[in-house]
Amino acid sequence: MINFYGRLEQLQISNLSYNEVNITTPIDETIIYLDPPYANTAKYQKDIDHEKLKEYIHNSPYTIYLSSYENIYNMELVAEFSYRCSLSATSNNKVKERLFVHKP
């Protein structure tokens, strides 16, 4: 059985651009979660080049999970969540959030 509590002590959370994070952990022990600004939505203070991010994901040796509304990165869909959001600009305030994975 895996000791998750011991592994959580080693957990590192960063709030950096994906290309600024220095990953030093072994490939088979590393999972990356990305939550970039979603394509075709309102702009953030800093914009993102989705093509460069797609290239980064597909060239990475790590397992990467990514949240998005659309599968613009050609990743495998692993989960989908539908809900109402009063802040959404979409019709009827219905939102469908998706979680994708890329495993090299």
PDB file of N, CA and C in Angstrom:
ATOM      1  N   MET A   1       0.837  -1.183   0.000  1.00  0.00           N
ATOM      2  CA  MET A   1       0.000   0.000   0.000  1.00  0.00           C
ATOM      3  C   MET A   1       0.885   1.250   0.000  1.00  0.00           C
ATOM      4  N   ILE A   2       0.499   2.247  -0.756  1.00  0.00           N
ATOM      5  CA  ILE A   2       1.282   3.476  -0.877  1.00  0.00           C
ATOM      6  C   ILE A   2       1.017   4.381   0.316  1.00  0.00           C
ATOM      7  N   ASN A   3       2.060   4.947   0.876  1.00  0.00           N
ATOM      8  CA  ASN A   3       1.929   5.902   1.974  1.00  0.00           C
ATOM      9  C   ASN A   3       1.723   7.294   1.379  1.00  0.00           C
ATOM     10  N   PHE A   4       0.459   7.683   1.211  1.00  0.00           N
ATOM     11  CA  PHE A   4       0.159   8.974   0.592  1.00  0.00           C
ATOM     12  C   PHE A   4       0.546  10.149   1.480  1.00  0.00           C
ATOM     13  N   TYR A   5       0.469   9.989   2.798  1.00  0.00           N
ATOM     14  CA  TYR A   5       0.806  11.099   3.682  1.00  0.00           C
ATOM     15  C   TYR A   5       2.277  11.476   3.563  1.00  0.00           C
ATOM     16  N   GLY A   6       3.143  10.478   3.458  1.00  0.00           N
ATOM     17  CA  GLY A   6       4.563  10.749   3.273  1.00  0.00           C
ATOM     18  C   GLY A   6       4.828  11.442   1.952  1.00  0.00           C
ATOM     19  N   ARG A   7       4.077  11.063   0.929  1.00  0.00           N
ATOM     20  CA  ARG A   7       4.247  11.677  -0.388  1.00  0.00           C
ATOM     21  C   ARG A   7       3.699  13.098  -0.400  1.00  0.00           C
ATOM     22  N   LEU A   8       2.630  13.351   0.359  1.00  0.00           N
ATOM     23  CA  LEU A   8       2.064  14.708   0.405  1.00  0.00           C
ATOM     24  C   LEU A   8       3.036  15.694   1.042  1.00  0.00           C
ATOM     25  N   GLU A   9       3.877  15.217   1.935  1.00  0.00           N
ATOM     26  CA  GLU A   9       4.876  16.096   2.537  1.00  0.00           C
ATOM     27  C   GLU A   9       5.842  16.625   1.491  1.00  0.00           C
ATOM     28  N   GLN A  10       5.984  15.902   0.382  1.00  0.00           N
ATOM     29  CA  GLN A  10       6.892  16.305  -0.686  1.00  0.00           C
ATOM     30  C   GLN A  10       6.187  17.117  -1.767  1.00  0.00           C
ATOM     31  N   LEU A  11       4.881  17.294  -1.636  1.00  0.00           N
ATOM     32  CA  LEU A  11       4.097  18.006  -2.642  1.00  0.00           C
ATOM     33  C   LEU A  11       4.572  19.451  -2.783  1.00  0.00           C
ATOM     34  N   GLN A  12       4.757  19.861  -4.028  1.00  0.00           N
ATOM     35  CA  GLN A  12       5.144  21.239  -4.316  1.00  0.00           C
ATOM     36  C   GLN A  12       4.069  21.856  -5.212  1.00  0.00           C
ATOM     37  N   ILE A  13       3.562  23.000  -4.808  1.00  0.00           N
ATOM     38  CA  ILE A  13       2.558  23.707  -5.601  1.00  0.00           C
ATOM     39  C   ILE A  13       3.179  25.015  -6.059  1.00  0.00           C
ATOM     40  N   SER A  14       3.052  25.284  -7.363  1.00  0.00           N
ATOM     41  CA  SER A  14       3.618  26.503  -7.930  1.00  0.00           C
ATOM     42  C   SER A  14       2.544  27.275  -8.664  1.00  0.00           C
ATOM     43  N   ASN A  15       2.702  28.570  -8.698  1.00  0.00           N
ATOM     44  CA  ASN A  15       1.817  29.428  -9.468  1.00  0.00           C
ATOM     45  C   ASN A  15       2.694  30.204 -10.450  1.00  0.00           C
ATOM     46  N   LEU A  16       3.258  29.459 -11.391  1.00  0.00           N
ATOM     47  CA  LEU A  16       4.167  30.024 -12.379  1.00  0.00           C
ATOM     48  C   LEU A  16       3.678  29.661 -13.771  1.00  0.00           C
ATOM     49  N   SER A  17       4.250  30.296 -14.747  1.00  0.00           N
ATOM     50  CA  SER A  17       3.990  29.879 -16.117  1.00  0.00           C
ATOM     51  C   SER A  17       4.581  28.486 -16.303  1.00  0.00           C
ATOM     52  N   TYR A  18       3.910  27.669 -17.102  1.00  0.00           N
ATOM     53  CA  TYR A  18       4.355  26.287 -17.297  1.00  0.00           C
ATOM     54  C   TYR A  18       5.819  26.195 -17.723  1.00  0.00           C
ATOM     55  N   ASN A  19       6.299  27.158 -18.480  1.00  0.00           N
ATOM     56  CA  ASN A  19       7.673  27.103 -18.972  1.00  0.00           C
ATOM     57  C   ASN A  19       8.686  27.684 -17.985  1.00  0.00           C
ATOM     58  N   GLU A  20       8.242  28.097 -16.810  1.00  0.00           N
ATOM     59  CA  GLU A  20       9.139  28.624 -15.780  1.00  0.00           C
ATOM     60  C   GLU A  20       9.376  27.640 -14.642  1.00  0.00           C
ATOM     61  N   VAL A  21       8.625  26.544 -14.620  1.00  0.00           N
ATOM     62  CA  VAL A  21       8.727  25.590 -13.520  1.00  0.00           C
ATOM     63  C   VAL A  21       9.910  24.647 -13.751  1.00  0.00           C
ATOM     64  N   ASN A  22      10.779  24.580 -12.762  1.00  0.00           N
ATOM     65  CA  ASN A  22      11.942  23.689 -12.820  1.00  0.00           C
ATOM     66  C   ASN A  22      11.562  22.370 -12.149  1.00  0.00           C
ATOM     67  N   ILE A  23      11.421  21.321 -12.940  1.00  0.00           N
ATOM     68  CA  ILE A  23      11.011  20.020 -12.419  1.00  0.00           C
ATOM     69  C   ILE A  23      12.252  19.157 -12.227  1.00  0.00           C
ATOM     70  N   THR A  24      12.439  18.695 -10.996  1.00  0.00           N
ATOM     71  CA  THR A  24      13.624  17.896 -10.687  1.00  0.00           C
ATOM     72  C   THR A  24      13.261  16.498 -10.184  1.00  0.00           C
ATOM     73  N   THR A  25      11.991  16.198 -10.064  1.00  0.00           N
ATOM     74  CA  THR A  25      11.573  14.891  -9.564  1.00  0.00           C
ATOM     75  C   THR A  25      11.642  13.849 -10.682  1.00  0.00           C
ATOM     76  N   PRO A  26      11.749  12.579 -10.325  1.00  0.00           N
ATOM     77  CA  PRO A  26      11.793  11.524 -11.347  1.00  0.00           C
ATOM     78  C   PRO A  26      10.511  11.514 -12.192  1.00  0.00           C
ATOM     79  N   ILE A  27      10.645  11.189 -13.449  1.00  0.00           N
ATOM     80  CA  ILE A  27       9.522  11.211 -14.385  1.00  0.00           C
ATOM     81  C   ILE A  27       8.366  10.356 -13.880  1.00  0.00           C
ATOM     82  N   ASP A  28       8.654   9.148 -13.404  1.00  0.00           N
ATOM     83  CA  ASP A  28       7.584   8.242 -12.990  1.00  0.00           C
ATOM     84  C   ASP A  28       6.943   8.640 -11.653  1.00  0.00           C
ATOM     85  N   GLU A  29       7.464   9.655 -10.988  1.00  0.00           N
ATOM     86  CA  GLU A  29       6.895  10.127  -9.729  1.00  0.00           C
ATOM     87  C   GLU A  29       6.301  11.531  -9.862  1.00  0.00           C
ATOM     88  N   THR A  30       6.179  12.021 -11.082  1.00  0.00           N
ATOM     89  CA  THR A  30       5.754  13.401 -11.300  1.00  0.00           C
ATOM     90  C   THR A  30       4.468  13.458 -12.109  1.00  0.00           C
ATOM     91  N   ILE A  31       3.521  14.245 -11.605  1.00  0.00           N
ATOM     92  CA  ILE A  31       2.288  14.554 -12.326  1.00  0.00           C
ATOM     93  C   ILE A  31       2.183  16.071 -12.373  1.00  0.00           C
ATOM     94  N   ILE A  32       1.893  16.594 -13.547  1.00  0.00           N
ATOM     95  CA  ILE A  32       1.729  18.042 -13.720  1.00  0.00           C
ATOM     96  C   ILE A  32       0.255  18.330 -13.962  1.00  0.00           C
ATOM     97  N   TYR A  33      -0.270  19.333 -13.261  1.00  0.00           N
ATOM     98  CA  TYR A  33      -1.640  19.786 -13.497  1.00  0.00           C
ATOM     99  C   TYR A  33      -1.573  21.219 -14.013  1.00  0.00           C
ATOM    100  N   LEU A  34      -2.194  21.469 -15.166  1.00  0.00           N
ATOM    101  CA  LEU A  34      -2.211  22.801 -15.766  1.00  0.00           C
ATOM    102  C   LEU A  34      -3.644  23.316 -15.833  1.00  0.00           C
ATOM    103  N   ASP A  35      -3.815  24.566 -15.495  1.00  0.00           N
ATOM    104  CA  ASP A  35      -5.113  25.233 -15.593  1.00  0.00           C
ATOM    105  C   ASP A  35      -4.899  26.562 -16.313  1.00  0.00           C
ATOM    106  N   PRO A  36      -4.617  26.490 -17.624  1.00  0.00           N
ATOM    107  CA  PRO A  36      -4.305  27.717 -18.369  1.00  0.00           C
ATOM    108  C   PRO A  36      -5.558  28.534 -18.655  1.00  0.00           C
ATOM    109  N   PRO A  37      -5.386  29.789 -19.052  1.00  0.00           N
ATOM    110  CA  PRO A  37      -6.540  30.549 -19.543  1.00  0.00           C
ATOM    111  C   PRO A  37      -7.171  29.774 -20.698  1.00  0.00           C
ATOM    112  N   TYR A  38      -8.467  29.597 -20.636  1.00  0.00           N
ATOM    113  CA  TYR A  38      -9.148  28.786 -21.641  1.00  0.00           C
ATOM    114  C   TYR A  38      -9.224  29.517 -22.967  1.00  0.00           C
ATOM    115  N   ALA A  39      -9.056  28.771 -24.045  1.00  0.00           N
ATOM    116  CA  ALA A  39      -9.140  29.336 -25.389  1.00  0.00           C
ATOM    117  C   ALA A  39     -10.557  29.840 -25.656  1.00  0.00           C
ATOM    118  N   ASN A  40     -10.647  30.903 -26.415  1.00  0.00           N
ATOM    119  CA  ASN A  40     -11.934  31.488 -26.824  1.00  0.00           C
ATOM    120  C   ASN A  40     -12.776  31.982 -25.655  1.00  0.00           C
ATOM    121  N   THR A  41     -12.107  32.427 -24.587  1.00  0.00           N
ATOM    122  CA  THR A  41     -12.803  33.034 -23.449  1.00  0.00           C
ATOM    123  C   THR A  41     -12.227  34.429 -23.226  1.00  0.00           C
ATOM    124  N   ALA A  42     -12.738  35.106 -22.201  1.00  0.00           N
ATOM    125  CA  ALA A  42     -12.271  36.454 -21.902  1.00  0.00           C
ATOM    126  C   ALA A  42     -10.765  36.462 -21.674  1.00  0.00           C
ATOM    127  N   LYS A  43     -10.130  37.554 -21.977  1.00  0.00           N
ATOM    128  CA  LYS A  43      -8.675  37.670 -21.838  1.00  0.00           C
ATOM    129  C   LYS A  43      -8.283  37.872 -20.378  1.00  0.00           C
ATOM    130  N   TYR A  44      -7.120  37.364 -20.032  1.00  0.00           N
ATOM    131  CA  TYR A  44      -6.532  37.557 -18.717  1.00  0.00           C
ATOM    132  C   TYR A  44      -5.520  38.702 -18.821  1.00  0.00           C
ATOM    133  N   GLN A  45      -4.908  39.063 -17.691  1.00  0.00           N
ATOM    134  CA  GLN A  45      -3.891  40.102 -17.716  1.00  0.00           C
ATOM    135  C   GLN A  45      -2.747  39.700 -18.643  1.00  0.00           C
ATOM    136  N   LYS A  46      -2.377  38.437 -18.615  1.00  0.00           N
ATOM    137  CA  LYS A  46      -1.330  37.927 -19.493  1.00  0.00           C
ATOM    138  C   LYS A  46      -1.959  36.885 -20.406  1.00  0.00           C
ATOM    139  N   ASP A  47      -1.721  37.009 -21.687  1.00  0.00           N
ATOM    140  CA  ASP A  47      -2.263  36.060 -22.645  1.00  0.00           C
ATOM    141  C   ASP A  47      -1.348  34.849 -22.738  1.00  0.00           C
ATOM    142  N   ILE A  48      -1.831  33.784 -23.341  1.00  0.00           N
ATOM    143  CA  ILE A  48      -1.049  32.564 -23.480  1.00  0.00           C
ATOM    144  C   ILE A  48      -1.068  32.122 -24.942  1.00  0.00           C
ATOM    145  N   ASP A  49       0.040  31.595 -25.384  1.00  0.00           N
ATOM    146  CA  ASP A  49       0.141  31.055 -26.735  1.00  0.00           C
ATOM    147  C   ASP A  49      -0.230  29.573 -26.646  1.00  0.00           C
ATOM    148  N   HIS A  50      -1.449  29.242 -27.049  1.00  0.00           N
ATOM    149  CA  HIS A  50      -1.945  27.881 -26.914  1.00  0.00           C
ATOM    150  C   HIS A  50      -1.162  26.889 -27.775  1.00  0.00           C
ATOM    151  N   GLU A  51      -0.634  27.330 -28.902  1.00  0.00           N
ATOM    152  CA  GLU A  51       0.162  26.436 -29.747  1.00  0.00           C
ATOM    153  C   GLU A  51       1.477  26.058 -29.056  1.00  0.00           C
ATOM    154  N   LYS A  52       2.110  27.012 -28.388  1.00  0.00           N
ATOM    155  CA  LYS A  52       3.350  26.715 -27.656  1.00  0.00           C
ATOM    156  C   LYS A  52       3.076  25.785 -26.475  1.00  0.00           C
ATOM    157  N   LEU A  53       1.940  26.001 -25.807  1.00  0.00           N
ATOM    158  CA  LEU A  53       1.580  25.119 -24.698  1.00  0.00           C
ATOM    159  C   LEU A  53       1.312  23.702 -25.212  1.00  0.00           C
ATOM    160  N   LYS A  54       0.632  23.587 -26.326  1.00  0.00           N
ATOM    161  CA  LYS A  54       0.362  22.276 -26.931  1.00  0.00           C
ATOM    162  C   LYS A  54       1.684  21.561 -27.254  1.00  0.00           C
ATOM    163  N   GLU A  55       2.633  22.281 -27.801  1.00  0.00           N
ATOM    164  CA  GLU A  55       3.947  21.719 -28.121  1.00  0.00           C
ATOM    165  C   GLU A  55       4.656  21.251 -26.851  1.00  0.00           C
ATOM    166  N   TYR A  56       4.592  22.068 -25.791  1.00  0.00           N
ATOM    167  CA  TYR A  56       5.200  21.718 -24.508  1.00  0.00           C
ATOM    168  C   TYR A  56       4.599  20.414 -23.973  1.00  0.00           C
ATOM    169  N   ILE A  57       3.278  20.314 -24.010  1.00  0.00           N
ATOM    170  CA  ILE A  57       2.592  19.129 -23.486  1.00  0.00           C
ATOM    171  C   ILE A  57       3.014  17.880 -24.241  1.00  0.00           C
ATOM    172  N   HIS A  58       2.984  17.944 -25.548  1.00  0.00           N
ATOM    173  CA  HIS A  58       3.260  16.750 -26.347  1.00  0.00           C
ATOM    174  C   HIS A  58       4.743  16.380 -26.406  1.00  0.00           C
ATOM    175  N   ASN A  59       5.613  17.293 -26.002  1.00  0.00           N
ATOM    176  CA  ASN A  59       7.047  16.994 -25.929  1.00  0.00           C
ATOM    177  C   ASN A  59       7.510  16.654 -24.516  1.00  0.00           C
ATOM    178  N   SER A  60       6.615  16.751 -23.554  1.00  0.00           N
ATOM    179  CA  SER A  60       6.978  16.518 -22.162  1.00  0.00           C
ATOM    180  C   SER A  60       7.067  15.018 -21.855  1.00  0.00           C
ATOM    181  N   PRO A  61       8.046  14.617 -21.046  1.00  0.00           N
ATOM    182  CA  PRO A  61       8.132  13.219 -20.631  1.00  0.00           C
ATOM    183  C   PRO A  61       7.208  12.902 -19.448  1.00  0.00           C
ATOM    184  N   TYR A  62       6.517  13.922 -18.922  1.00  0.00           N
ATOM    185  CA  TYR A  62       5.685  13.771 -17.732  1.00  0.00           C
ATOM    186  C   TYR A  62       4.214  13.558 -18.078  1.00  0.00           C
ATOM    187  N   THR A  63       3.486  12.938 -17.157  1.00  0.00           N
ATOM    188  CA  THR A  63       2.039  12.854 -17.261  1.00  0.00           C
ATOM    189  C   THR A  63       1.487  14.234 -16.928  1.00  0.00           C
ATOM    190  N   ILE A  64       0.639  14.753 -17.810  1.00  0.00           N
ATOM    191  CA  ILE A  64       0.096  16.099 -17.625  1.00  0.00           C
ATOM    192  C   ILE A  64      -1.422  16.049 -17.671  1.00  0.00           C
ATOM    193  N   TYR A  65      -2.049  16.623 -16.647  1.00  0.00           N
ATOM    194  CA  TYR A  65      -3.496  16.815 -16.618  1.00  0.00           C
ATOM    195  C   TYR A  65      -3.767  18.284 -16.893  1.00  0.00           C
ATOM    196  N   LEU A  66      -4.851  18.564 -17.591  1.00  0.00           N
ATOM    197  CA  LEU A  66      -5.167  19.933 -17.981  1.00  0.00           C
ATOM    198  C   LEU A  66      -6.670  20.147 -17.936  1.00  0.00           C
ATOM    199  N   SER A  67      -7.100  21.273 -17.375  1.00  0.00           N
ATOM    200  CA  SER A  67      -8.511  21.659 -17.361  1.00  0.00           C
ATOM    201  C   SER A  67      -8.774  22.594 -18.524  1.00  0.00           C
ATOM    202  N   SER A  68      -9.933  22.408 -19.164  1.00  0.00           N
ATOM    203  CA  SER A  68     -10.302  23.266 -20.278  1.00  0.00           C
ATOM    204  C   SER A  68     -11.760  23.010 -20.649  1.00  0.00           C
ATOM    205  N   TYR A  69     -12.335  23.917 -21.425  1.00  0.00           N
ATOM    206  CA  TYR A  69     -13.667  23.687 -21.974  1.00  0.00           C
ATOM    207  C   TYR A  69     -13.582  22.861 -23.253  1.00  0.00           C
ATOM    208  N   GLU A  70     -12.524  23.072 -24.034  1.00  0.00           N
ATOM    209  CA  GLU A  70     -12.373  22.431 -25.336  1.00  0.00           C
ATOM    210  C   GLU A  70     -11.086  21.617 -25.370  1.00  0.00           C
ATOM    211  N   ASN A  71     -11.053  20.632 -26.246  1.00  0.00           N
ATOM    212  CA  ASN A  71      -9.866  19.791 -26.392  1.00  0.00           C
ATOM    213  C   ASN A  71      -8.989  20.321 -27.533  1.00  0.00           C
ATOM    214  N   ILE A  72      -8.463  21.514 -27.354  1.00  0.00           N
ATOM    215  CA  ILE A  72      -7.626  22.110 -28.405  1.00  0.00           C
ATOM    216  C   ILE A  72      -6.195  21.568 -28.361  1.00  0.00           C
ATOM    217  N   TYR A  73      -5.880  20.781 -27.335  1.00  0.00           N
ATOM    218  CA  TYR A  73      -4.523  20.260 -27.178  1.00  0.00           C
ATOM    219  C   TYR A  73      -4.396  18.802 -27.628  1.00  0.00           C
ATOM    220  N   ASN A  74      -5.474  18.230 -28.139  1.00  0.00           N
ATOM    221  CA  ASN A  74      -5.482  16.824 -28.596  1.00  0.00           C
ATOM    222  C   ASN A  74      -5.048  15.869 -27.494  1.00  0.00           C
ATOM    223  N   MET A  75      -5.712  15.958 -26.357  1.00  0.00           N
ATOM    224  CA  MET A  75      -5.423  15.100 -25.215  1.00  0.00           C
ATOM    225  C   MET A  75      -6.617  14.172 -24.968  1.00  0.00           C
ATOM    226  N   GLU A  76      -6.398  13.173 -24.131  1.00  0.00           N
ATOM    227  CA  GLU A  76      -7.449  12.211 -23.799  1.00  0.00           C
ATOM    228  C   GLU A  76      -8.385  12.789 -22.730  1.00  0.00           C
ATOM    229  N   LEU A  77      -9.681  12.726 -22.969  1.00  0.00           N
ATOM    230  CA  LEU A  77     -10.676  13.186 -21.998  1.00  0.00           C
ATOM    231  C   LEU A  77     -10.790  12.168 -20.877  1.00  0.00           C
ATOM    232  N   VAL A  78     -10.684  12.620 -19.614  1.00  0.00           N
ATOM    233  CA  VAL A  78     -10.807  11.699 -18.482  1.00  0.00           C
ATOM    234  C   VAL A  78     -11.994  12.019 -17.585  1.00  0.00           C
ATOM    235  N   ALA A  79     -12.504  13.253 -17.649  1.00  0.00           N
ATOM    236  CA  ALA A  79     -13.655  13.616 -16.829  1.00  0.00           C
ATOM    237  C   ALA A  79     -14.338  14.839 -17.425  1.00  0.00           C
ATOM    238  N   GLU A  80     -15.637  14.941 -17.128  1.00  0.00           N
ATOM    239  CA  GLU A  80     -16.430  16.063 -17.641  1.00  0.00           C
ATOM    240  C   GLU A  80     -17.434  16.454 -16.567  1.00  0.00           C
ATOM    241  N   PHE A  81     -17.559  17.747 -16.302  1.00  0.00           N
ATOM    242  CA  PHE A  81     -18.435  18.254 -15.260  1.00  0.00           C
ATOM    243  C   PHE A  81     -19.310  19.357 -15.833  1.00  0.00           C
ATOM    244  N   SER A  82     -20.616  19.209 -15.701  1.00  0.00           N
ATOM    245  CA  SER A  82     -21.550  20.234 -16.168  1.00  0.00           C
ATOM    246  C   SER A  82     -22.149  20.927 -14.960  1.00  0.00           C
ATOM    247  N   TYR A  83     -22.254  22.247 -15.049  1.00  0.00           N
ATOM    248  CA  TYR A  83     -22.838  23.011 -13.950  1.00  0.00           C
ATOM    249  C   TYR A  83     -23.312  24.362 -14.464  1.00  0.00           C
ATOM    250  N   ARG A  84     -24.073  25.045 -13.637  1.00  0.00           N
ATOM    251  CA  ARG A  84     -24.536  26.393 -13.966  1.00  0.00           C
ATOM    252  C   ARG A  84     -23.589  27.403 -13.333  1.00  0.00           C
ATOM    253  N   CYS A  85     -23.308  28.452 -14.077  1.00  0.00           N
ATOM    254  CA  CYS A  85     -22.397  29.484 -13.590  1.00  0.00           C
ATOM    255  C   CYS A  85     -22.979  30.842 -13.930  1.00  0.00           C
ATOM    256  N   SER A  86     -23.278  31.627 -12.929  1.00  0.00           N
ATOM    257  CA  SER A  86     -23.863  32.948 -13.171  1.00  0.00           C
ATOM    258  C   SER A  86     -22.855  33.918 -13.769  1.00  0.00           C
ATOM    259  N   LEU A  87     -21.569  33.580 -13.721  1.00  0.00           N
ATOM    260  CA  LEU A  87     -20.533  34.442 -14.289  1.00  0.00           C
ATOM    261  C   LEU A  87     -20.225  34.094 -15.738  1.00  0.00           C
ATOM    262  N   SER A  88     -20.812  33.015 -16.235  1.00  0.00           N
ATOM    263  CA  SER A  88     -20.518  32.549 -17.585  1.00  0.00           C
ATOM    264  C   SER A  88     -21.198  33.398 -18.636  1.00  0.00           C
ATOM    265  N   ALA A  89     -20.498  33.602 -19.750  1.00  0.00           N
ATOM    266  CA  ALA A  89     -21.069  34.336 -20.880  1.00  0.00           C
ATOM    267  C   ALA A  89     -21.739  33.392 -21.868  1.00  0.00           C
ATOM    268  N   THR A  90     -21.716  32.081 -21.573  1.00  0.00           N
ATOM    269  CA  THR A  90     -22.325  31.104 -22.473  1.00  0.00           C
ATOM    270  C   THR A  90     -23.828  31.081 -22.303  1.00  0.00           C
ATOM    271  N   SER A  91     -24.528  30.524 -23.280  1.00  0.00           N
ATOM    272  CA  SER A  91     -25.985  30.516 -23.245  1.00  0.00           C
ATOM    273  C   SER A  91     -26.511  29.740 -22.048  1.00  0.00           C
ATOM    274  N   ASN A  92     -27.544  30.288 -21.435  1.00  0.00           N
ATOM    275  CA  ASN A  92     -28.219  29.686 -20.277  1.00  0.00           C
ATOM    276  C   ASN A  92     -27.300  29.452 -19.082  1.00  0.00           C
ATOM    277  N   ASN A  93     -26.129  30.058 -19.086  1.00  0.00           N
ATOM    278  CA  ASN A  93     -25.180  29.930 -17.980  1.00  0.00           C
ATOM    279  C   ASN A  93     -24.753  28.496 -17.711  1.00  0.00           C
ATOM    280  N   LYS A  94     -24.852  27.630 -18.717  1.00  0.00           N
ATOM    281  CA  LYS A  94     -24.416  26.242 -18.563  1.00  0.00           C
ATOM    282  C   LYS A  94     -22.947  26.133 -18.956  1.00  0.00           C
ATOM    283  N   VAL A  95     -22.177  25.479 -18.104  1.00  0.00           N
ATOM    284  CA  VAL A  95     -20.741  25.327 -18.334  1.00  0.00           C
ATOM    285  C   VAL A  95     -20.412  23.837 -18.318  1.00  0.00           C
ATOM    286  N   LYS A  96     -19.542  23.424 -19.224  1.00  0.00           N
ATOM    287  CA  LYS A  96     -19.068  22.043 -19.251  1.00  0.00           C
ATOM    288  C   LYS A  96     -17.547  22.089 -19.162  1.00  0.00           C
ATOM    289  N   GLU A  97     -17.061  21.820 -17.978  1.00  0.00           N
ATOM    290  CA  GLU A  97     -15.615  21.817 -17.722  1.00  0.00           C
ATOM    291  C   GLU A  97     -15.089  20.406 -17.964  1.00  0.00           C
ATOM    292  N   ARG A  98     -13.909  20.321 -18.543  1.00  0.00           N
ATOM    293  CA  ARG A  98     -13.339  19.004 -18.866  1.00  0.00           C
ATOM    294  C   ARG A  98     -11.930  18.877 -18.316  1.00  0.00           C
ATOM    295  N   LEU A  99     -11.572  17.644 -17.994  1.00  0.00           N
ATOM    296  CA  LEU A  99     -10.221  17.332 -17.542  1.00  0.00           C
ATOM    297  C   LEU A  99      -9.628  16.369 -18.564  1.00  0.00           C
ATOM    298  N   PHE A 100      -8.455  16.727 -19.078  1.00  0.00           N
ATOM    299  CA  PHE A 100      -7.760  15.946 -20.097  1.00  0.00           C
ATOM    300  C   PHE A 100      -6.424  15.457 -19.541  1.00  0.00           C
ATOM    301  N   VAL A 101      -5.885  14.405 -20.154  1.00  0.00           N
ATOM    302  CA  VAL A 101      -4.585  13.890 -19.746  1.00  0.00           C
ATOM    303  C   VAL A 101      -3.736  13.597 -20.971  1.00  0.00           C
ATOM    304  N   HIS A 102      -2.434  13.810 -20.808  1.00  0.00           N
ATOM    305  CA  HIS A 102      -1.447  13.397 -21.796  1.00  0.00           C
ATOM    306  C   HIS A 102      -0.435  12.520 -21.056  1.00  0.00           C
ATOM    307  N   LYS A 103      -0.359  11.268 -21.500  1.00  0.00           N
ATOM    308  CA  LYS A 103       0.638  10.343 -20.944  1.00  0.00           C
ATOM    309  C   LYS A 103       1.607   9.988 -22.053  1.00  0.00           C
ATOM    310  N   PRO A 104       2.874  10.309 -21.892  1.00  0.00           N
ATOM    311  CA  PRO A 104       3.856  10.021 -22.942  1.00  0.00           C
ATOM    312  C   PRO A 104       4.019   8.533 -23.214  1.00  0.00           C
TER     313      PRO A 104
END
